[in-house]
PDB file of N, CA and C in Angstrom:
ATOM      1  N   UNK A   1       0.842  -1.168   0.000  1.00  0.00           N
ATOM      2  CA  UNK A   1       0.000   0.000   0.000  1.00  0.00           C
ATOM      3  C   UNK A   1       0.898   1.245   0.000  1.00  0.00           C
ATOM      4  N   UNK A   2       0.712   2.105  -0.976  1.00  0.00           N
ATOM      5  CA  UNK A   2       1.515   3.313  -1.102  1.00  0.00           C
ATOM      6  C   UNK A   2       0.830   4.457  -0.352  1.00  0.00           C
ATOM      7  N   UNK A   3       1.608   5.244   0.378  1.00  0.00           N
ATOM      8  CA  UNK A   3       0.989   6.371   1.090  1.00  0.00           C
ATOM      9  C   UNK A   3       0.506   7.428   0.101  1.00  0.00           C
ATOM     10  N   UNK A   4      -0.620   8.024   0.435  1.00  0.00           N
ATOM     11  CA  UNK A   4      -1.189   9.072  -0.419  1.00  0.00           C
ATOM     12  C   UNK A   4      -0.386  10.363  -0.300  1.00  0.00           C
ATOM     13  N   UNK A   5      -0.005  10.685   0.924  1.00  0.00           N
ATOM     14  CA  UNK A   5       0.739  11.917   1.152  1.00  0.00           C
ATOM     15  C   UNK A   5       1.802  11.620   2.193  1.00  0.00           C
ATOM     16  N   UNK A   6       3.064  11.709   1.801  1.00  0.00           N
ATOM     17  CA  UNK A   6       4.172  11.418   2.706  1.00  0.00           C
ATOM     18  C   UNK A   6       4.470  12.657   3.544  1.00  0.00           C
ATOM     19  N   UNK A   7       4.288  12.541   4.844  1.00  0.00           N
ATOM     20  CA  UNK A   7       4.505  13.674   5.748  1.00  0.00           C
ATOM     21  C   UNK A   7       5.809  13.558   6.540  1.00  0.00           C
ATOM     22  N   UNK A   8       6.698  12.718   6.079  1.00  0.00           N
ATOM     23  CA  UNK A   8       7.954  12.502   6.788  1.00  0.00           C
ATOM     24  C   UNK A   8       8.760  13.788   6.911  1.00  0.00           C
ATOM     25  N   UNK A   9       8.894  14.525   5.842  1.00  0.00           N
ATOM     26  CA  UNK A   9       9.693  15.756   5.905  1.00  0.00           C
ATOM     27  C   UNK A   9       9.023  16.800   6.786  1.00  0.00           C
ATOM     28  N   UNK A  10       7.702  16.868   6.760  1.00  0.00           N
ATOM     29  CA  UNK A  10       6.983  17.814   7.609  1.00  0.00           C
ATOM     30  C   UNK A  10       7.179  17.479   9.091  1.00  0.00           C
ATOM     31  N   UNK A  11       7.079  16.198   9.435  1.00  0.00           N
ATOM     32  CA  UNK A  11       7.259  15.778  10.818  1.00  0.00           C
ATOM     33  C   UNK A  11       8.702  16.013  11.267  1.00  0.00           C
ATOM     34  N   UNK A  12       9.661  15.723  10.399  1.00  0.00           N
ATOM     35  CA  UNK A  12      11.065  15.953  10.745  1.00  0.00           C
ATOM     36  C   UNK A  12      11.358  17.435  10.974  1.00  0.00           C
ATOM     37  N   UNK A  13      10.830  18.277  10.111  1.00  0.00           N
ATOM     38  CA  UNK A  13      11.036  19.716  10.260  1.00  0.00           C
ATOM     39  C   UNK A  13      10.389  20.240  11.535  1.00  0.00           C
ATOM     40  N   UNK A  14       9.180  19.782  11.812  1.00  0.00           N
ATOM     41  CA  UNK A  14       8.475  20.218  13.007  1.00  0.00           C
ATOM     42  C   UNK A  14       9.184  19.752  14.272  1.00  0.00           C
ATOM     43  N   UNK A  15       9.644  18.511  14.266  1.00  0.00           N
ATOM     44  CA  UNK A  15      10.364  17.983  15.427  1.00  0.00           C
ATOM     45  C   UNK A  15      11.658  18.744  15.662  1.00  0.00           C
ATOM     46  N   UNK A  16      12.372  19.057  14.599  1.00  0.00           N
ATOM     47  CA  UNK A  16      13.605  19.834  14.725  1.00  0.00           C
ATOM     48  C   UNK A  16      13.313  21.224  15.305  1.00  0.00           C
ATOM     49  N   UNK A  17      12.238  21.849  14.845  1.00  0.00           N
ATOM     50  CA  UNK A  17      11.866  23.177  15.334  1.00  0.00           C
ATOM     51  C   UNK A  17      11.508  23.134  16.810  1.00  0.00           C
ATOM     52  N   UNK A  18      10.768  22.128  17.228  1.00  0.00           N
ATOM     53  CA  UNK A  18      10.380  22.005  18.640  1.00  0.00           C
ATOM     54  C   UNK A  18      11.607  21.790  19.518  1.00  0.00           C
ATOM     55  N   UNK A  19      12.499  20.920  19.107  1.00  0.00           N
ATOM     56  CA  UNK A  19      13.713  20.662  19.898  1.00  0.00           C
ATOM     57  C   UNK A  19      14.584  21.913  19.978  1.00  0.00           C
ATOM     58  N   UNK A  20      14.703  22.625  18.859  1.00  0.00           N
ATOM     59  CA  UNK A  20      15.496  23.859  18.852  1.00  0.00           C
ATOM     60  C   UNK A  20      14.897  24.910  19.792  1.00  0.00           C
ATOM     61  N   UNK A  21      13.584  25.073  19.747  1.00  0.00           N
ATOM     62  CA  UNK A  21      12.936  26.061  20.610  1.00  0.00           C
ATOM     63  C   UNK A  21      13.021  25.680  22.081  1.00  0.00           C
ATOM     64  N   UNK A  22      12.904  24.404  22.401  1.00  0.00           N
ATOM     65  CA  UNK A  22      13.056  23.967  23.793  1.00  0.00           C
ATOM     66  C   UNK A  22      14.475  24.211  24.295  1.00  0.00           C
ATOM     67  N   UNK A  23      15.448  23.951  23.456  1.00  0.00           N
ATOM     68  CA  UNK A  23      16.847  24.177  23.841  1.00  0.00           C
ATOM     69  C   UNK A  23      17.107  25.663  24.091  1.00  0.00           C
ATOM     70  N   UNK A  24      16.656  26.503  23.181  1.00  0.00           N
ATOM     71  CA  UNK A  24      16.841  27.942  23.355  1.00  0.00           C
ATOM     72  C   UNK A  24      16.121  28.425  24.609  1.00  0.00           C
ATOM     73  N   UNK A  25      14.917  27.907  24.844  1.00  0.00           N
ATOM     74  CA  UNK A  25      14.164  28.284  26.040  1.00  0.00           C
ATOM     75  C   UNK A  25      14.872  27.892  27.322  1.00  0.00           C
ATOM     76  N   UNK A  26      15.445  26.687  27.357  1.00  0.00           N
ATOM     77  CA  UNK A  26      16.163  26.251  28.557  1.00  0.00           C
ATOM     78  C   UNK A  26      17.389  27.122  28.821  1.00  0.00           C
ATOM     79  N   UNK A  27      18.102  27.472  27.753  1.00  0.00           N
ATOM     80  CA  UNK A  27      19.288  28.325  27.917  1.00  0.00           C
ATOM     81  C   UNK A  27      18.884  29.704  28.421  1.00  0.00           C
ATOM     82  N   UNK A  28      17.826  30.263  27.860  1.00  0.00           N
ATOM     83  CA  UNK A  28      17.382  31.584  28.301  1.00  0.00           C
ATOM     84  C   UNK A  28      16.911  31.568  29.756  1.00  0.00           C
ATOM     85  N   UNK A  29      16.178  30.535  30.143  1.00  0.00           N
ATOM     86  CA  UNK A  29      15.743  30.430  31.541  1.00  0.00           C
ATOM     87  C   UNK A  29      16.948  30.324  32.460  1.00  0.00           C
ATOM     88  N   UNK A  30      17.941  29.555  32.066  1.00  0.00           N
ATOM     89  CA  UNK A  30      19.144  29.409  32.885  1.00  0.00           C
ATOM     90  C   UNK A  30      19.881  30.739  33.011  1.00  0.00           C
ATOM     91  N   UNK A  31      19.978  31.486  31.919  1.00  0.00           N
ATOM     92  CA  UNK A  31      20.652  32.791  31.981  1.00  0.00           C
ATOM     93  C   UNK A  31      19.879  33.779  32.852  1.00  0.00           C
ATOM     94  N   UNK A  32      18.562  33.758  32.775  1.00  0.00           N
ATOM     95  CA  UNK A  32      17.757  34.638  33.623  1.00  0.00           C
ATOM     96  C   UNK A  32      17.915  34.245  35.094  1.00  0.00           C
ATOM     97  N   UNK A  33      17.972  32.951  35.367  1.00  0.00           N
ATOM     98  CA  UNK A  33      18.191  32.508  36.753  1.00  0.00           C
ATOM     99  C   UNK A  33      19.537  32.991  37.280  1.00  0.00           C
ATOM    100  N   UNK A  34      20.571  32.880  36.457  1.00  0.00           N
ATOM    101  CA  UNK A  34      21.895  33.362  36.879  1.00  0.00           C
ATOM    102  C   UNK A  34      21.844  34.871  37.127  1.00  0.00           C
ATOM    103  N   UNK A  35      21.166  35.591  36.242  1.00  0.00           N
ATOM    104  CA  UNK A  35      21.099  37.043  36.367  1.00  0.00           C
ATOM    105  C   UNK A  35      20.387  37.456  37.652  1.00  0.00           C
ATOM    106  N   UNK A  36      19.229  36.844  37.928  1.00  0.00           N
ATOM    107  CA  UNK A  36      18.448  37.270  39.080  1.00  0.00           C
ATOM    108  C   UNK A  36      18.967  36.688  40.399  1.00  0.00           C
ATOM    109  N   UNK A  37      19.466  35.462  40.359  1.00  0.00           N
ATOM    110  CA  UNK A  37      19.953  34.866  41.603  1.00  0.00           C
ATOM    111  C   UNK A  37      21.384  35.294  41.916  1.00  0.00           C
ATOM    112  N   UNK A  38      22.162  35.579  40.899  1.00  0.00           N
ATOM    113  CA  UNK A  38      23.509  36.079  41.105  1.00  0.00           C
ATOM    114  C   UNK A  38      24.510  35.042  41.554  1.00  0.00           C
ATOM    115  N   UNK A  39      24.135  33.775  41.496  1.00  0.00           N
ATOM    116  CA  UNK A  39      25.027  32.721  41.946  1.00  0.00           C
ATOM    117  C   UNK A  39      24.849  31.528  41.012  1.00  0.00           C
ATOM    118  N   UNK A  40      25.940  31.026  40.464  1.00  0.00           N
ATOM    119  CA  UNK A  40      25.871  29.928  39.506  1.00  0.00           C
ATOM    120  C   UNK A  40      25.335  28.651  40.150  1.00  0.00           C
ATOM    121  N   UNK A  41      25.786  28.334  41.345  1.00  0.00           N
ATOM    122  CA  UNK A  41      25.359  27.104  42.016  1.00  0.00           C
ATOM    123  C   UNK A  41      23.856  27.122  42.287  1.00  0.00           C
ATOM    124  N   UNK A  42      23.345  28.235  42.760  1.00  0.00           N
ATOM    125  CA  UNK A  42      21.914  28.357  43.035  1.00  0.00           C
ATOM    126  C   UNK A  42      21.109  28.278  41.742  1.00  0.00           C
ATOM    127  N   UNK A  43      21.617  28.863  40.674  1.00  0.00           N
ATOM    128  CA  UNK A  43      20.925  28.819  39.391  1.00  0.00           C
ATOM    129  C   UNK A  43      20.865  27.398  38.841  1.00  0.00           C
ATOM    130  N   UNK A  44      21.937  26.637  39.020  1.00  0.00           N
ATOM    131  CA  UNK A  44      21.947  25.239  38.566  1.00  0.00           C
ATOM    132  C   UNK A  44      20.931  24.420  39.347  1.00  0.00           C
ATOM    133  N   UNK A  45      20.876  24.609  40.651  1.00  0.00           N
ATOM    134  CA  UNK A  45      19.920  23.867  41.481  1.00  0.00           C
ATOM    135  C   UNK A  45      18.489  24.213  41.072  1.00  0.00           C
ATOM    136  N   UNK A  46      18.209  25.483  40.842  1.00  0.00           N
ATOM    137  CA  UNK A  46      16.867  25.895  40.426  1.00  0.00           C
ATOM    138  C   UNK A  46      16.552  25.377  39.024  1.00  0.00           C
ATOM    139  N   UNK A  47      17.531  25.398  38.127  1.00  0.00           N
ATOM    140  CA  UNK A  47      17.311  24.932  36.759  1.00  0.00           C
ATOM    141  C   UNK A  47      17.041  23.434  36.722  1.00  0.00           C
ATOM    142  N   UNK A  48      17.646  22.681  37.611  1.00  0.00           N
ATOM    143  CA  UNK A  48      17.374  21.242  37.681  1.00  0.00           C
ATOM    144  C   UNK A  48      16.014  20.994  38.320  1.00  0.00           C
ATOM    145  N   UNK A  49      15.646  21.815  39.264  1.00  0.00           N
ATOM    146  CA  UNK A  49      14.395  21.617  39.997  1.00  0.00           C
ATOM    147  C   UNK A  49      13.161  21.917  39.147  1.00  0.00           C
ATOM    148  N   UNK A  50      13.238  22.842  38.216  1.00  0.00           N
ATOM    149  CA  UNK A  50      12.072  23.239  37.419  1.00  0.00           C
ATOM    150  C   UNK A  50      11.505  22.065  36.612  1.00  0.00           C
ATOM    151  N   UNK A  51      12.299  21.348  35.800  1.00  0.00           N
ATOM    152  CA  UNK A  51      11.706  20.223  35.059  1.00  0.00           C
ATOM    153  C   UNK A  51      11.281  19.071  35.958  1.00  0.00           C
ATOM    154  N   UNK A  52      11.997  18.866  37.068  1.00  0.00           N
ATOM    155  CA  UNK A  52      11.604  17.800  37.990  1.00  0.00           C
ATOM    156  C   UNK A  52      10.255  18.095  38.626  1.00  0.00           C
ATOM    157  N   UNK A  53      10.019  19.335  38.996  1.00  0.00           N
ATOM    158  CA  UNK A  53       8.730  19.716  39.564  1.00  0.00           C
ATOM    159  C   UNK A  53       7.618  19.570  38.534  1.00  0.00           C
ATOM    160  N   UNK A  54       7.906  19.915  37.293  1.00  0.00           N
ATOM    161  CA  UNK A  54       6.913  19.782  36.234  1.00  0.00           C
ATOM    162  C   UNK A  54       6.574  18.315  35.975  1.00  0.00           C
ATOM    163  N   UNK A  55       7.579  17.452  35.946  1.00  0.00           N
ATOM    164  CA  UNK A  55       7.333  16.014  35.768  1.00  0.00           C
ATOM    165  C   UNK A  55       6.544  15.448  36.935  1.00  0.00           C
ATOM    166  N   UNK A  56       6.875  15.866  38.141  1.00  0.00           N
ATOM    167  CA  UNK A  56       6.132  15.404  39.310  1.00  0.00           C
ATOM    168  C   UNK A  56       4.681  15.853  39.276  1.00  0.00           C
ATOM    169  N   UNK A  57       4.445  17.070  38.831  1.00  0.00           N
ATOM    170  CA  UNK A  57       3.065  17.566  38.747  1.00  0.00           C
ATOM    171  C   UNK A  57       2.272  16.782  37.709  1.00  0.00           C
ATOM    172  N   UNK A  58       2.868  16.495  36.567  1.00  0.00           N
ATOM    173  CA  UNK A  58       2.171  15.692  35.560  1.00  0.00           C
ATOM    174  C   UNK A  58       1.932  14.272  36.049  1.00  0.00           C
ATOM    175  N   UNK A  59       2.900  13.726  36.764  1.00  0.00           N
ATOM    176  CA  UNK A  59       2.767  12.363  37.279  1.00  0.00           C
ATOM    177  C   UNK A  59       1.611  12.266  38.281  1.00  0.00           C
ATOM    178  N   UNK A  60       1.558  13.191  39.225  1.00  0.00           N
ATOM    179  CA  UNK A  60       0.500  13.136  40.215  1.00  0.00           C
ATOM    180  C   UNK A  60      -0.861  13.522  39.636  1.00  0.00           C
ATOM    181  N   UNK A  61      -0.862  14.377  38.631  1.00  0.00           N
ATOM    182  CA  UNK A  61      -2.109  14.757  37.985  1.00  0.00           C
ATOM    183  C   UNK A  61      -2.684  13.601  37.176  1.00  0.00           C
ATOM    184  N   UNK A  62      -1.827  12.795  36.567  1.00  0.00           N
ATOM    185  CA  UNK A  62      -2.279  11.673  35.748  1.00  0.00           C
ATOM    186  C   UNK A  62      -2.862  10.555  36.610  1.00  0.00           C
ATOM    187  N   UNK A  63      -2.497  10.502  37.858  1.00  0.00           N
ATOM    188  CA  UNK A  63      -3.005   9.447  38.732  1.00  0.00           C
ATOM    189  C   UNK A  63      -4.426   9.720  39.188  1.00  0.00           C
ATOM    190  N   UNK A  64      -4.887  10.961  39.101  1.00  0.00           N
ATOM    191  CA  UNK A  64      -6.230  11.287  39.593  1.00  0.00           C
ATOM    192  C   UNK A  64      -7.156  11.669  38.488  1.00  0.00           C
TER     193      UNK A  64
END
């Protein structure tokens, strides 16, 4: 069975764009944390905590 419309290139382009935007967003958040907190160690701890808190919230939300 031949596909009617091959969307492989569209999906690849979209996935690349999403990954690029997430990477840029993480870097910008990290730089803002360094700027406002004024300490690299504190900014790293906060930057690690943000995605962990988000994953925990999704995990507990999915259970209910």
